[in-house]
Amino acid sequence: MYSARWYDIDPTLSLAISLLRNSQKEVQINAADFIIKNAEKRNIKISSKLSRIFQTFTRRWYDYHQTVSKAFQYLQNASEDEQKEIAVELINYLYKIEQNPTEIPNQTN
């Protein structure tokens, strides 16, 4: 039986994660900061045990960098509506980077 990843349940979130996964590492890290800032603005909380978990558990593609892993924790803890909102904002953010790769968009937008 196939078990879907938590972010594949919503097509918009799945698309955003796919775009992120296929981005260059530097873009992934900048986008992760973007996700974290957006999640914090929405008062989404994550466990303070994250850094300890990161040091011992790094098997998923997004666990290679602590910032990216932290961003995924925020996304996973967000409500479905918040996940979708952040996903749409992330898609737009990644599109802006693709249009002008030498300039990282302002993360407060």
N, C-alpha and C. Protein backbone atom coordinates (compact mmCIF):
# COMPACT_ATOMS: atom_id res chain seq x y z
N MET A 1 0.84 -1.19 0.00
CA MET A 1 0.00 0.00 0.00
C MET A 1 0.88 1.26 0.00
N TYR A 2 0.56 2.22 -0.83
CA TYR A 2 1.33 3.45 -0.95
C TYR A 2 0.94 4.41 0.17
N SER A 3 1.92 4.96 0.82
CA SER A 3 1.69 5.95 1.87
C SER A 3 2.19 7.30 1.37
N ALA A 4 1.30 8.24 1.17
CA ALA A 4 1.68 9.55 0.65
C ALA A 4 2.46 10.34 1.69
N ARG A 5 3.38 11.13 1.20
CA ARG A 5 4.09 12.05 2.09
C ARG A 5 3.10 13.11 2.54
N TRP A 6 3.30 13.64 3.72
CA TRP A 6 2.36 14.60 4.29
C TRP A 6 2.14 15.79 3.37
N TYR A 7 3.15 16.20 2.62
CA TYR A 7 3.01 17.38 1.77
C TYR A 7 2.44 17.05 0.39
N ASP A 8 2.21 15.78 0.09
CA ASP A 8 1.62 15.41 -1.19
C ASP A 8 0.10 15.36 -1.16
N ILE A 9 -0.49 15.51 0.00
CA ILE A 9 -1.94 15.43 0.12
C ILE A 9 -2.62 16.61 -0.58
N ASP A 10 -2.05 17.80 -0.45
CA ASP A 10 -2.59 18.99 -1.11
C ASP A 10 -1.78 19.26 -2.38
N PRO A 11 -2.43 19.36 -3.53
CA PRO A 11 -1.68 19.55 -4.79
C PRO A 11 -0.87 20.85 -4.84
N THR A 12 -1.36 21.91 -4.22
CA THR A 12 -0.63 23.17 -4.23
C THR A 12 0.64 23.06 -3.40
N LEU A 13 0.52 22.47 -2.22
CA LEU A 13 1.68 22.26 -1.37
C LEU A 13 2.67 21.31 -2.03
N SER A 14 2.16 20.28 -2.65
CA SER A 14 3.02 19.31 -3.34
C SER A 14 3.82 19.99 -4.46
N LEU A 15 3.16 20.85 -5.23
CA LEU A 15 3.84 21.59 -6.29
C LEU A 15 4.93 22.50 -5.71
N ALA A 16 4.60 23.23 -4.66
CA ALA A 16 5.58 24.13 -4.04
C ALA A 16 6.80 23.36 -3.55
N ILE A 17 6.57 22.22 -2.92
CA ILE A 17 7.69 21.41 -2.41
C ILE A 17 8.51 20.84 -3.57
N SER A 18 7.83 20.43 -4.62
CA SER A 18 8.55 19.91 -5.80
C SER A 18 9.44 20.99 -6.41
N LEU A 19 8.91 22.19 -6.55
CA LEU A 19 9.71 23.29 -7.08
C LEU A 19 10.90 23.58 -6.18
N LEU A 20 10.65 23.57 -4.88
CA LEU A 20 11.73 23.81 -3.93
C LEU A 20 12.80 22.72 -4.02
N ARG A 21 12.36 21.48 -4.08
CA ARG A 21 13.29 20.36 -4.13
C ARG A 21 14.19 20.43 -5.37
N ASN A 22 13.65 20.92 -6.48
CA ASN A 22 14.40 20.98 -7.73
C ASN A 22 15.19 22.28 -7.89
N SER A 23 15.18 23.12 -6.87
CA SER A 23 15.94 24.36 -6.89
C SER A 23 17.38 24.11 -6.45
N GLN A 24 18.23 25.05 -6.76
CA GLN A 24 19.62 24.97 -6.31
C GLN A 24 19.65 25.08 -4.78
N LYS A 25 20.68 24.52 -4.17
CA LYS A 25 20.79 24.49 -2.70
C LYS A 25 20.69 25.88 -2.09
N GLU A 26 21.35 26.85 -2.69
CA GLU A 26 21.30 28.22 -2.15
C GLU A 26 19.87 28.76 -2.18
N VAL A 27 19.16 28.49 -3.25
CA VAL A 27 17.77 28.93 -3.36
C VAL A 27 16.91 28.20 -2.33
N GLN A 28 17.16 26.91 -2.12
CA GLN A 28 16.42 26.16 -1.10
C GLN A 28 16.57 26.79 0.27
N ILE A 29 17.79 27.19 0.60
CA ILE A 29 18.05 27.77 1.92
C ILE A 29 17.36 29.13 2.05
N ASN A 30 17.46 29.96 1.00
CA ASN A 30 16.76 31.26 1.03
C ASN A 30 15.25 31.08 1.11
N ALA A 31 14.73 30.11 0.36
CA ALA A 31 13.30 29.84 0.40
C ALA A 31 12.88 29.31 1.77
N ALA A 32 13.75 28.52 2.39
CA ALA A 32 13.46 28.02 3.74
C ALA A 32 13.35 29.18 4.73
N ASP A 33 14.24 30.16 4.61
CA ASP A 33 14.13 31.36 5.45
C ASP A 33 12.81 32.07 5.20
N PHE A 34 12.41 32.13 3.94
CA PHE A 34 11.13 32.73 3.56
C PHE A 34 9.97 31.99 4.23
N ILE A 35 10.00 30.67 4.20
CA ILE A 35 8.95 29.86 4.83
C ILE A 35 8.92 30.12 6.33
N ILE A 36 10.08 30.11 6.96
CA ILE A 36 10.16 30.30 8.41
C ILE A 36 9.59 31.66 8.80
N LYS A 37 9.97 32.71 8.10
CA LYS A 37 9.45 34.05 8.42
C LYS A 37 7.94 34.12 8.24
N ASN A 38 7.43 33.50 7.19
CA ASN A 38 5.99 33.50 6.97
C ASN A 38 5.27 32.69 8.05
N ALA A 39 5.84 31.58 8.45
CA ALA A 39 5.23 30.76 9.49
C ALA A 39 5.25 31.48 10.83
N GLU A 40 6.34 32.14 11.14
CA GLU A 40 6.43 32.88 12.40
C GLU A 40 5.44 34.04 12.43
N LYS A 41 5.22 34.69 11.28
CA LYS A 41 4.21 35.76 11.22
C LYS A 41 2.82 35.22 11.54
N ARG A 42 2.59 33.95 11.24
CA ARG A 42 1.29 33.31 11.49
C ARG A 42 1.25 32.64 12.87
N ASN A 43 2.29 32.83 13.65
CA ASN A 43 2.40 32.25 14.99
C ASN A 43 2.37 30.73 15.00
N ILE A 44 2.90 30.12 13.96
CA ILE A 44 3.03 28.66 13.91
C ILE A 44 4.22 28.29 14.80
N LYS A 45 4.06 27.27 15.59
CA LYS A 45 5.09 26.86 16.55
C LYS A 45 5.71 25.54 16.13
N ILE A 46 7.00 25.37 16.51
CA ILE A 46 7.68 24.08 16.32
C ILE A 46 8.34 23.69 17.64
N SER A 47 8.71 22.45 17.74
CA SER A 47 9.34 21.93 18.94
C SER A 47 10.76 22.48 19.07
N SER A 48 11.15 22.81 20.28
CA SER A 48 12.51 23.29 20.52
C SER A 48 13.52 22.14 20.44
N LYS A 49 13.04 20.91 20.34
CA LYS A 49 13.91 19.75 20.24
C LYS A 49 14.43 19.56 18.81
N LEU A 50 14.06 20.43 17.90
CA LEU A 50 14.41 20.29 16.49
C LEU A 50 15.91 20.14 16.26
N SER A 51 16.72 20.98 16.90
CA SER A 51 18.16 20.91 16.63
C SER A 51 18.74 19.58 17.07
N ARG A 52 18.25 19.02 18.16
CA ARG A 52 18.72 17.72 18.61
C ARG A 52 18.32 16.63 17.62
N ILE A 53 17.10 16.71 17.12
CA ILE A 53 16.62 15.75 16.13
C ILE A 53 17.44 15.88 14.85
N PHE A 54 17.72 17.11 14.45
CA PHE A 54 18.48 17.35 13.22
C PHE A 54 19.84 16.68 13.28
N GLN A 55 20.48 16.72 14.44
CA GLN A 55 21.82 16.16 14.57
C GLN A 55 21.83 14.64 14.44
N THR A 56 20.71 13.99 14.71
CA THR A 56 20.70 12.53 14.70
C THR A 56 19.86 11.92 13.58
N PHE A 57 19.01 12.71 12.94
CA PHE A 57 18.06 12.15 11.97
C PHE A 57 18.07 12.97 10.69
N THR A 58 18.83 12.54 9.71
CA THR A 58 18.92 13.30 8.46
C THR A 58 18.81 12.37 7.26
N ARG A 59 17.66 11.75 7.07
CA ARG A 59 17.51 10.83 5.96
C ARG A 59 16.65 11.35 4.82
N ARG A 60 15.86 12.39 5.07
CA ARG A 60 15.01 12.95 4.02
C ARG A 60 15.79 14.03 3.26
N TRP A 61 15.38 14.30 2.02
CA TRP A 61 16.14 15.24 1.20
C TRP A 61 16.21 16.62 1.84
N TYR A 62 15.21 17.00 2.61
CA TYR A 62 15.20 18.34 3.20
C TYR A 62 15.88 18.40 4.56
N ASP A 63 16.45 17.30 5.01
CA ASP A 63 17.16 17.28 6.29
C ASP A 63 18.64 17.63 6.16
N TYR A 64 19.12 17.81 4.93
CA TYR A 64 20.56 18.04 4.73
C TYR A 64 21.01 19.37 5.34
N HIS A 65 20.11 20.33 5.48
CA HIS A 65 20.46 21.65 6.01
C HIS A 65 19.47 22.01 7.11
N GLN A 66 19.97 22.47 8.24
CA GLN A 66 19.12 22.72 9.39
C GLN A 66 18.02 23.74 9.10
N THR A 67 18.30 24.75 8.33
CA THR A 67 17.29 25.77 8.01
C THR A 67 16.17 25.17 7.17
N VAL A 68 16.50 24.36 6.20
CA VAL A 68 15.49 23.74 5.34
C VAL A 68 14.65 22.76 6.19
N SER A 69 15.30 22.00 7.03
CA SER A 69 14.60 21.06 7.90
C SER A 69 13.64 21.80 8.84
N LYS A 70 14.10 22.91 9.38
CA LYS A 70 13.27 23.73 10.28
C LYS A 70 12.05 24.28 9.53
N ALA A 71 12.25 24.72 8.30
CA ALA A 71 11.14 25.23 7.49
C ALA A 71 10.08 24.15 7.29
N PHE A 72 10.53 22.92 7.07
CA PHE A 72 9.58 21.82 6.88
C PHE A 72 8.83 21.50 8.18
N GLN A 73 9.49 21.67 9.31
CA GLN A 73 8.80 21.48 10.59
C GLN A 73 7.68 22.50 10.74
N TYR A 74 7.97 23.75 10.39
CA TYR A 74 6.94 24.79 10.43
C TYR A 74 5.77 24.43 9.51
N LEU A 75 6.10 24.04 8.29
CA LEU A 75 5.03 23.68 7.35
C LEU A 75 4.19 22.52 7.87
N GLN A 76 4.86 21.53 8.40
CA GLN A 76 4.14 20.35 8.88
C GLN A 76 3.23 20.69 10.06
N ASN A 77 3.62 21.66 10.88
CA ASN A 77 2.82 22.04 12.04
C ASN A 77 1.73 23.05 11.70
N ALA A 78 1.75 23.59 10.51
CA ALA A 78 0.74 24.57 10.09
C ALA A 78 -0.58 23.86 9.80
N SER A 79 -1.66 24.62 9.91
CA SER A 79 -2.97 24.08 9.52
C SER A 79 -2.99 23.88 8.00
N GLU A 80 -3.95 23.15 7.51
CA GLU A 80 -4.05 22.93 6.06
C GLU A 80 -4.19 24.25 5.31
N ASP A 81 -4.99 25.16 5.84
CA ASP A 81 -5.15 26.46 5.18
C ASP A 81 -3.84 27.25 5.18
N GLU A 82 -3.12 27.22 6.31
CA GLU A 82 -1.85 27.93 6.38
C GLU A 82 -0.82 27.29 5.45
N GLN A 83 -0.82 25.97 5.37
CA GLN A 83 0.10 25.29 4.46
C GLN A 83 -0.15 25.75 3.03
N LYS A 84 -1.41 25.81 2.65
CA LYS A 84 -1.75 26.21 1.28
C LYS A 84 -1.35 27.67 1.02
N GLU A 85 -1.62 28.55 1.98
CA GLU A 85 -1.25 29.95 1.83
C GLU A 85 0.27 30.11 1.68
N ILE A 86 1.01 29.44 2.53
CA ILE A 86 2.47 29.51 2.45
C ILE A 86 2.97 28.90 1.15
N ALA A 87 2.33 27.82 0.71
CA ALA A 87 2.72 27.18 -0.55
C ALA A 87 2.56 28.14 -1.73
N VAL A 88 1.44 28.84 -1.78
CA VAL A 88 1.21 29.81 -2.87
C VAL A 88 2.27 30.92 -2.81
N GLU A 89 2.55 31.41 -1.61
CA GLU A 89 3.57 32.45 -1.46
C GLU A 89 4.95 31.93 -1.86
N LEU A 90 5.22 30.67 -1.52
CA LEU A 90 6.50 30.06 -1.88
C LEU A 90 6.63 29.91 -3.40
N ILE A 91 5.58 29.48 -4.06
CA ILE A 91 5.60 29.35 -5.52
C ILE A 91 5.90 30.72 -6.15
N ASN A 92 5.25 31.76 -5.67
CA ASN A 92 5.50 33.12 -6.18
C ASN A 92 6.94 33.56 -5.90
N TYR A 93 7.44 33.25 -4.71
CA TYR A 93 8.81 33.59 -4.33
C TYR A 93 9.80 32.89 -5.26
N LEU A 94 9.61 31.60 -5.49
CA LEU A 94 10.51 30.85 -6.37
C LEU A 94 10.42 31.34 -7.81
N TYR A 95 9.24 31.74 -8.24
CA TYR A 95 9.06 32.29 -9.59
C TYR A 95 9.87 33.59 -9.74
N LYS A 96 9.82 34.44 -8.72
CA LYS A 96 10.58 35.70 -8.77
C LYS A 96 12.08 35.42 -8.87
N ILE A 97 12.55 34.43 -8.13
CA ILE A 97 13.97 34.07 -8.19
C ILE A 97 14.32 33.54 -9.58
N GLU A 98 13.43 32.73 -10.14
CA GLU A 98 13.69 32.18 -11.47
C GLU A 98 13.75 33.29 -12.52
N GLN A 99 12.93 34.32 -12.37
CA GLN A 99 12.92 35.42 -13.33
C GLN A 99 14.17 36.29 -13.21
N ASN A 100 14.72 36.39 -12.01
CA ASN A 100 15.91 37.20 -11.79
C ASN A 100 16.80 36.51 -10.77
N PRO A 101 17.57 35.51 -11.20
CA PRO A 101 18.35 34.68 -10.27
C PRO A 101 19.45 35.42 -9.50
N THR A 102 19.83 36.61 -9.96
CA THR A 102 20.90 37.34 -9.27
C THR A 102 20.37 38.16 -8.11
N GLU A 103 19.07 38.26 -7.99
CA GLU A 103 18.48 39.08 -6.93
C GLU A 103 17.44 38.27 -6.16
N ILE A 104 17.68 38.08 -4.86
CA ILE A 104 16.74 37.37 -4.01
C ILE A 104 15.63 38.34 -3.63
N PRO A 105 14.36 37.96 -3.86
CA PRO A 105 13.24 38.88 -3.52
C PRO A 105 13.19 39.18 -2.02
N ASN A 106 12.62 40.32 -1.73
CA ASN A 106 12.41 40.72 -0.33
C ASN A 106 11.54 39.68 0.35
N GLN A 107 12.00 39.14 1.47
CA GLN A 107 11.30 38.05 2.14
C GLN A 107 10.10 38.51 2.95
N THR A 108 9.86 39.79 3.06
CA THR A 108 8.71 40.25 3.82
C THR A 108 7.46 40.36 2.97
N ASN A 109 7.60 40.15 1.68
CA ASN A 109 6.42 40.22 0.77
C ASN A 109 5.61 38.96 0.85
